[in-house]
Amino acid sequence: MTESEDSCNLSLDRRKFAEMVVSSHQVSDELDPEAIVKRKLTLYLSAYYLADRFNKLENAHFEGAMNSERYQKLLNELKDEKFGDW
C-alpha cells in the first residue's frame, strides 16, 4: 500500500498486493504442477485487478482522510456477486 505525503488517499500497489495474496495462499501438493500454476495465476490476476478496482474507486469517490463511513461506502462499491464474501 502507498500513501502520498500530501494526500490522505489510500492506494494499493497492484503488483505487491497480488504477490502478497499469492504468497499467503496455500495450494495442495496433491495437484499436478500445471493445476497449481493455474490456480496461482488466477489468484494473482484476481488480486491485481481487484487492487486496481479499489484504487479507481478510492480516487473517484474520496478526497481527504478516509473515515469509517467512507471506508464502508468503498467496500460496498467493491461488492458484487464475484466478491460477495467481503
N, C-alpha and C. Protein backbone atom coordinates (compact mmCIF):
# COMPACT_ATOMS: atom_id res chain seq x y z
N MET A 1 0.84 -1.17 0.00
CA MET A 1 0.00 0.00 0.00
C MET A 1 0.89 1.23 0.00
N THR A 2 0.41 2.27 -0.64
CA THR A 2 1.16 3.51 -0.67
C THR A 2 0.24 4.65 -0.27
N GLU A 3 0.86 5.69 0.26
CA GLU A 3 0.10 6.87 0.64
C GLU A 3 1.02 8.06 0.45
N SER A 4 0.63 8.99 -0.41
CA SER A 4 1.47 10.15 -0.65
C SER A 4 1.45 11.07 0.56
N GLU A 5 2.54 11.83 0.72
CA GLU A 5 2.66 12.68 1.90
C GLU A 5 1.66 13.82 1.89
N ASP A 6 1.30 14.35 0.71
CA ASP A 6 0.40 15.48 0.67
C ASP A 6 -1.05 15.08 0.43
N SER A 7 -1.35 13.81 0.51
CA SER A 7 -2.71 13.33 0.32
C SER A 7 -2.99 12.20 1.30
N CYS A 8 -4.23 12.11 1.71
CA CYS A 8 -4.62 11.03 2.61
C CYS A 8 -5.25 9.88 1.84
N ASN A 9 -5.19 9.95 0.52
CA ASN A 9 -5.76 8.88 -0.29
C ASN A 9 -4.95 7.61 -0.13
N LEU A 10 -5.65 6.54 0.02
CA LEU A 10 -5.04 5.23 0.14
C LEU A 10 -5.02 4.59 -1.23
N SER A 11 -3.90 4.03 -1.62
CA SER A 11 -3.87 3.28 -2.87
C SER A 11 -3.00 2.05 -2.68
N LEU A 12 -3.37 0.99 -3.36
CA LEU A 12 -2.64 -0.26 -3.27
C LEU A 12 -1.66 -0.36 -4.43
N ASP A 13 -0.47 -0.85 -4.15
CA ASP A 13 0.45 -1.21 -5.21
C ASP A 13 -0.04 -2.54 -5.76
N ARG A 14 -0.55 -2.53 -6.97
CA ARG A 14 -1.21 -3.71 -7.53
C ARG A 14 -0.31 -4.94 -7.55
N ARG A 15 0.92 -4.77 -7.97
CA ARG A 15 1.83 -5.92 -8.06
C ARG A 15 2.18 -6.46 -6.68
N LYS A 16 2.54 -5.57 -5.77
CA LYS A 16 2.89 -6.02 -4.42
C LYS A 16 1.70 -6.69 -3.73
N PHE A 17 0.52 -6.12 -3.91
CA PHE A 17 -0.68 -6.70 -3.32
C PHE A 17 -0.93 -8.10 -3.88
N ALA A 18 -0.87 -8.23 -5.19
CA ALA A 18 -1.10 -9.54 -5.82
C ALA A 18 -0.05 -10.55 -5.37
N GLU A 19 1.21 -10.14 -5.29
CA GLU A 19 2.27 -11.05 -4.82
C GLU A 19 2.03 -11.48 -3.38
N MET A 20 1.59 -10.55 -2.55
CA MET A 20 1.31 -10.88 -1.16
C MET A 20 0.16 -11.89 -1.05
N VAL A 21 -0.89 -11.67 -1.83
CA VAL A 21 -2.03 -12.58 -1.80
C VAL A 21 -1.60 -13.98 -2.25
N VAL A 22 -0.86 -14.06 -3.34
CA VAL A 22 -0.43 -15.36 -3.85
C VAL A 22 0.50 -16.05 -2.85
N SER A 23 1.43 -15.31 -2.28
CA SER A 23 2.38 -15.93 -1.36
C SER A 23 1.71 -16.40 -0.06
N SER A 24 0.58 -15.81 0.27
CA SER A 24 -0.10 -16.21 1.51
C SER A 24 -1.10 -17.35 1.29
N HIS A 25 -1.31 -17.73 0.06
CA HIS A 25 -2.30 -18.76 -0.27
C HIS A 25 -1.61 -20.12 -0.43
N GLN A 26 -2.15 -21.12 0.26
CA GLN A 26 -1.61 -22.48 0.17
C GLN A 26 -2.40 -23.28 -0.85
N VAL A 27 -1.68 -23.99 -1.71
CA VAL A 27 -2.30 -24.86 -2.71
C VAL A 27 -1.85 -26.28 -2.41
N SER A 28 -2.76 -27.21 -2.50
CA SER A 28 -2.47 -28.61 -2.21
C SER A 28 -1.34 -29.15 -3.08
N ASP A 29 -0.42 -29.86 -2.45
CA ASP A 29 0.68 -30.51 -3.17
C ASP A 29 0.19 -31.71 -3.98
N GLU A 30 -1.04 -32.11 -3.75
CA GLU A 30 -1.59 -33.27 -4.46
C GLU A 30 -1.97 -32.93 -5.89
N LEU A 31 -2.03 -31.66 -6.23
CA LEU A 31 -2.37 -31.25 -7.59
C LEU A 31 -1.16 -31.38 -8.50
N ASP A 32 -1.41 -31.53 -9.77
CA ASP A 32 -0.28 -31.56 -10.70
C ASP A 32 0.27 -30.14 -10.84
N PRO A 33 1.54 -30.00 -11.23
CA PRO A 33 2.17 -28.67 -11.28
C PRO A 33 1.41 -27.65 -12.13
N GLU A 34 0.84 -28.08 -13.25
CA GLU A 34 0.12 -27.14 -14.09
C GLU A 34 -1.12 -26.60 -13.39
N ALA A 35 -1.82 -27.45 -12.66
CA ALA A 35 -3.01 -27.01 -11.92
C ALA A 35 -2.62 -26.01 -10.83
N ILE A 36 -1.50 -26.25 -10.17
CA ILE A 36 -1.02 -25.33 -9.13
C ILE A 36 -0.74 -23.96 -9.75
N VAL A 37 -0.02 -23.96 -10.87
CA VAL A 37 0.32 -22.70 -11.53
C VAL A 37 -0.93 -21.97 -12.00
N LYS A 38 -1.88 -22.70 -12.55
CA LYS A 38 -3.13 -22.07 -13.00
C LYS A 38 -3.87 -21.42 -11.83
N ARG A 39 -3.92 -22.11 -10.69
CA ARG A 39 -4.60 -21.53 -9.52
C ARG A 39 -3.88 -20.28 -9.03
N LYS A 40 -2.54 -20.35 -8.98
CA LYS A 40 -1.77 -19.20 -8.52
C LYS A 40 -1.92 -18.02 -9.49
N LEU A 41 -1.92 -18.30 -10.78
CA LEU A 41 -2.07 -17.24 -11.78
C LEU A 41 -3.46 -16.60 -11.67
N THR A 42 -4.47 -17.43 -11.52
CA THR A 42 -5.83 -16.92 -11.36
C THR A 42 -5.92 -16.04 -10.12
N LEU A 43 -5.32 -16.48 -9.04
CA LEU A 43 -5.32 -15.71 -7.80
C LEU A 43 -4.57 -14.39 -7.97
N TYR A 44 -3.40 -14.44 -8.63
CA TYR A 44 -2.60 -13.23 -8.86
C TYR A 44 -3.40 -12.22 -9.68
N LEU A 45 -3.98 -12.66 -10.78
CA LEU A 45 -4.72 -11.74 -11.64
C LEU A 45 -5.95 -11.18 -10.94
N SER A 46 -6.64 -12.02 -10.18
CA SER A 46 -7.80 -11.53 -9.43
C SER A 46 -7.40 -10.47 -8.42
N ALA A 47 -6.32 -10.71 -7.68
CA ALA A 47 -5.84 -9.74 -6.69
C ALA A 47 -5.36 -8.46 -7.36
N TYR A 48 -4.65 -8.58 -8.47
CA TYR A 48 -4.12 -7.43 -9.20
C TYR A 48 -5.27 -6.52 -9.65
N TYR A 49 -6.27 -7.12 -10.30
CA TYR A 49 -7.37 -6.31 -10.82
C TYR A 49 -8.32 -5.82 -9.74
N LEU A 50 -8.42 -6.54 -8.64
CA LEU A 50 -9.22 -6.04 -7.52
C LEU A 50 -8.54 -4.83 -6.89
N ALA A 51 -7.21 -4.86 -6.77
CA ALA A 51 -6.47 -3.70 -6.25
C ALA A 51 -6.63 -2.51 -7.19
N ASP A 52 -6.59 -2.77 -8.49
CA ASP A 52 -6.79 -1.70 -9.47
C ASP A 52 -8.18 -1.11 -9.34
N ARG A 53 -9.17 -1.97 -9.17
CA ARG A 53 -10.55 -1.52 -8.99
C ARG A 53 -10.71 -0.70 -7.72
N PHE A 54 -10.08 -1.16 -6.64
CA PHE A 54 -10.10 -0.43 -5.38
C PHE A 54 -9.50 0.97 -5.58
N ASN A 55 -8.34 1.03 -6.21
CA ASN A 55 -7.67 2.32 -6.42
C ASN A 55 -8.54 3.28 -7.23
N LYS A 56 -9.17 2.79 -8.28
CA LYS A 56 -10.02 3.65 -9.11
C LYS A 56 -11.22 4.16 -8.32
N LEU A 57 -11.85 3.28 -7.55
CA LEU A 57 -12.99 3.71 -6.74
C LEU A 57 -12.56 4.71 -5.68
N GLU A 58 -11.46 4.44 -5.04
CA GLU A 58 -10.98 5.34 -3.98
C GLU A 58 -10.66 6.70 -4.56
N ASN A 59 -10.00 6.74 -5.70
CA ASN A 59 -9.66 8.01 -6.32
C ASN A 59 -10.88 8.76 -6.82
N ALA A 60 -11.86 8.04 -7.31
CA ALA A 60 -13.05 8.67 -7.87
C ALA A 60 -14.00 9.21 -6.80
N HIS A 61 -14.05 8.58 -5.63
CA HIS A 61 -15.09 8.91 -4.67
C HIS A 61 -14.62 9.61 -3.40
N PHE A 62 -13.35 9.53 -3.12
CA PHE A 62 -12.92 10.02 -1.81
C PHE A 62 -11.76 10.98 -1.93
N GLU A 63 -11.92 12.12 -1.30
CA GLU A 63 -10.84 13.08 -1.19
C GLU A 63 -10.66 13.36 0.29
N GLY A 64 -9.44 13.51 0.70
CA GLY A 64 -9.16 13.77 2.11
C GLY A 64 -9.07 12.48 2.90
N ALA A 65 -9.14 12.62 4.21
CA ALA A 65 -8.95 11.47 5.10
C ALA A 65 -10.06 10.44 4.93
N MET A 66 -9.67 9.20 5.03
CA MET A 66 -10.62 8.09 4.94
C MET A 66 -11.17 7.83 6.32
N ASN A 67 -12.46 8.12 6.51
CA ASN A 67 -13.08 7.80 7.79
C ASN A 67 -13.86 6.50 7.64
N SER A 68 -14.43 6.01 8.72
CA SER A 68 -15.08 4.70 8.67
C SER A 68 -16.30 4.71 7.74
N GLU A 69 -17.01 5.82 7.67
CA GLU A 69 -18.17 5.90 6.77
C GLU A 69 -17.73 5.80 5.31
N ARG A 70 -16.69 6.53 4.96
CA ARG A 70 -16.17 6.46 3.59
C ARG A 70 -15.61 5.08 3.28
N TYR A 71 -14.97 4.49 4.26
CA TYR A 71 -14.42 3.14 4.09
C TYR A 71 -15.53 2.13 3.82
N GLN A 72 -16.61 2.20 4.57
CA GLN A 72 -17.74 1.30 4.37
C GLN A 72 -18.37 1.53 3.00
N LYS A 73 -18.46 2.77 2.58
CA LYS A 73 -19.01 3.07 1.27
C LYS A 73 -18.13 2.46 0.18
N LEU A 74 -16.83 2.55 0.34
CA LEU A 74 -15.90 1.97 -0.63
C LEU A 74 -16.06 0.45 -0.68
N LEU A 75 -16.16 -0.19 0.47
CA LEU A 75 -16.35 -1.64 0.48
C LEU A 75 -17.65 -2.03 -0.19
N ASN A 76 -18.70 -1.25 0.03
CA ASN A 76 -19.98 -1.53 -0.63
C ASN A 76 -19.87 -1.38 -2.14
N GLU A 77 -19.07 -0.42 -2.61
CA GLU A 77 -18.85 -0.25 -4.04
C GLU A 77 -18.11 -1.45 -4.62
N LEU A 78 -17.22 -2.06 -3.85
CA LEU A 78 -16.43 -3.19 -4.33
C LEU A 78 -17.23 -4.49 -4.37
N LYS A 79 -18.30 -4.55 -3.61
CA LYS A 79 -19.08 -5.79 -3.54
C LYS A 79 -19.79 -6.06 -4.87
N ASP A 80 -19.76 -7.27 -5.25
CA ASP A 80 -20.59 -7.77 -6.34
C ASP A 80 -20.71 -9.27 -6.16
N GLU A 81 -21.33 -9.94 -7.07
CA GLU A 81 -21.55 -11.37 -6.90
C GLU A 81 -20.24 -12.14 -6.77
N LYS A 82 -19.23 -11.74 -7.53
CA LYS A 82 -17.97 -12.45 -7.52
C LYS A 82 -17.21 -12.25 -6.22
N PHE A 83 -17.27 -11.08 -5.65
CA PHE A 83 -16.54 -10.78 -4.42
C PHE A 83 -17.50 -10.53 -3.27
N GLY A 84 -18.63 -11.22 -3.26
CA GLY A 84 -19.66 -11.02 -2.26
C GLY A 84 -19.31 -11.49 -0.87
N ASP A 85 -18.15 -12.13 -0.70
CA ASP A 85 -17.79 -12.64 0.62
C ASP A 85 -17.08 -11.60 1.48
N TRP A 86 -17.02 -10.35 1.04
CA TRP A 86 -16.37 -9.31 1.83
C TRP A 86 -17.18 -8.97 3.04
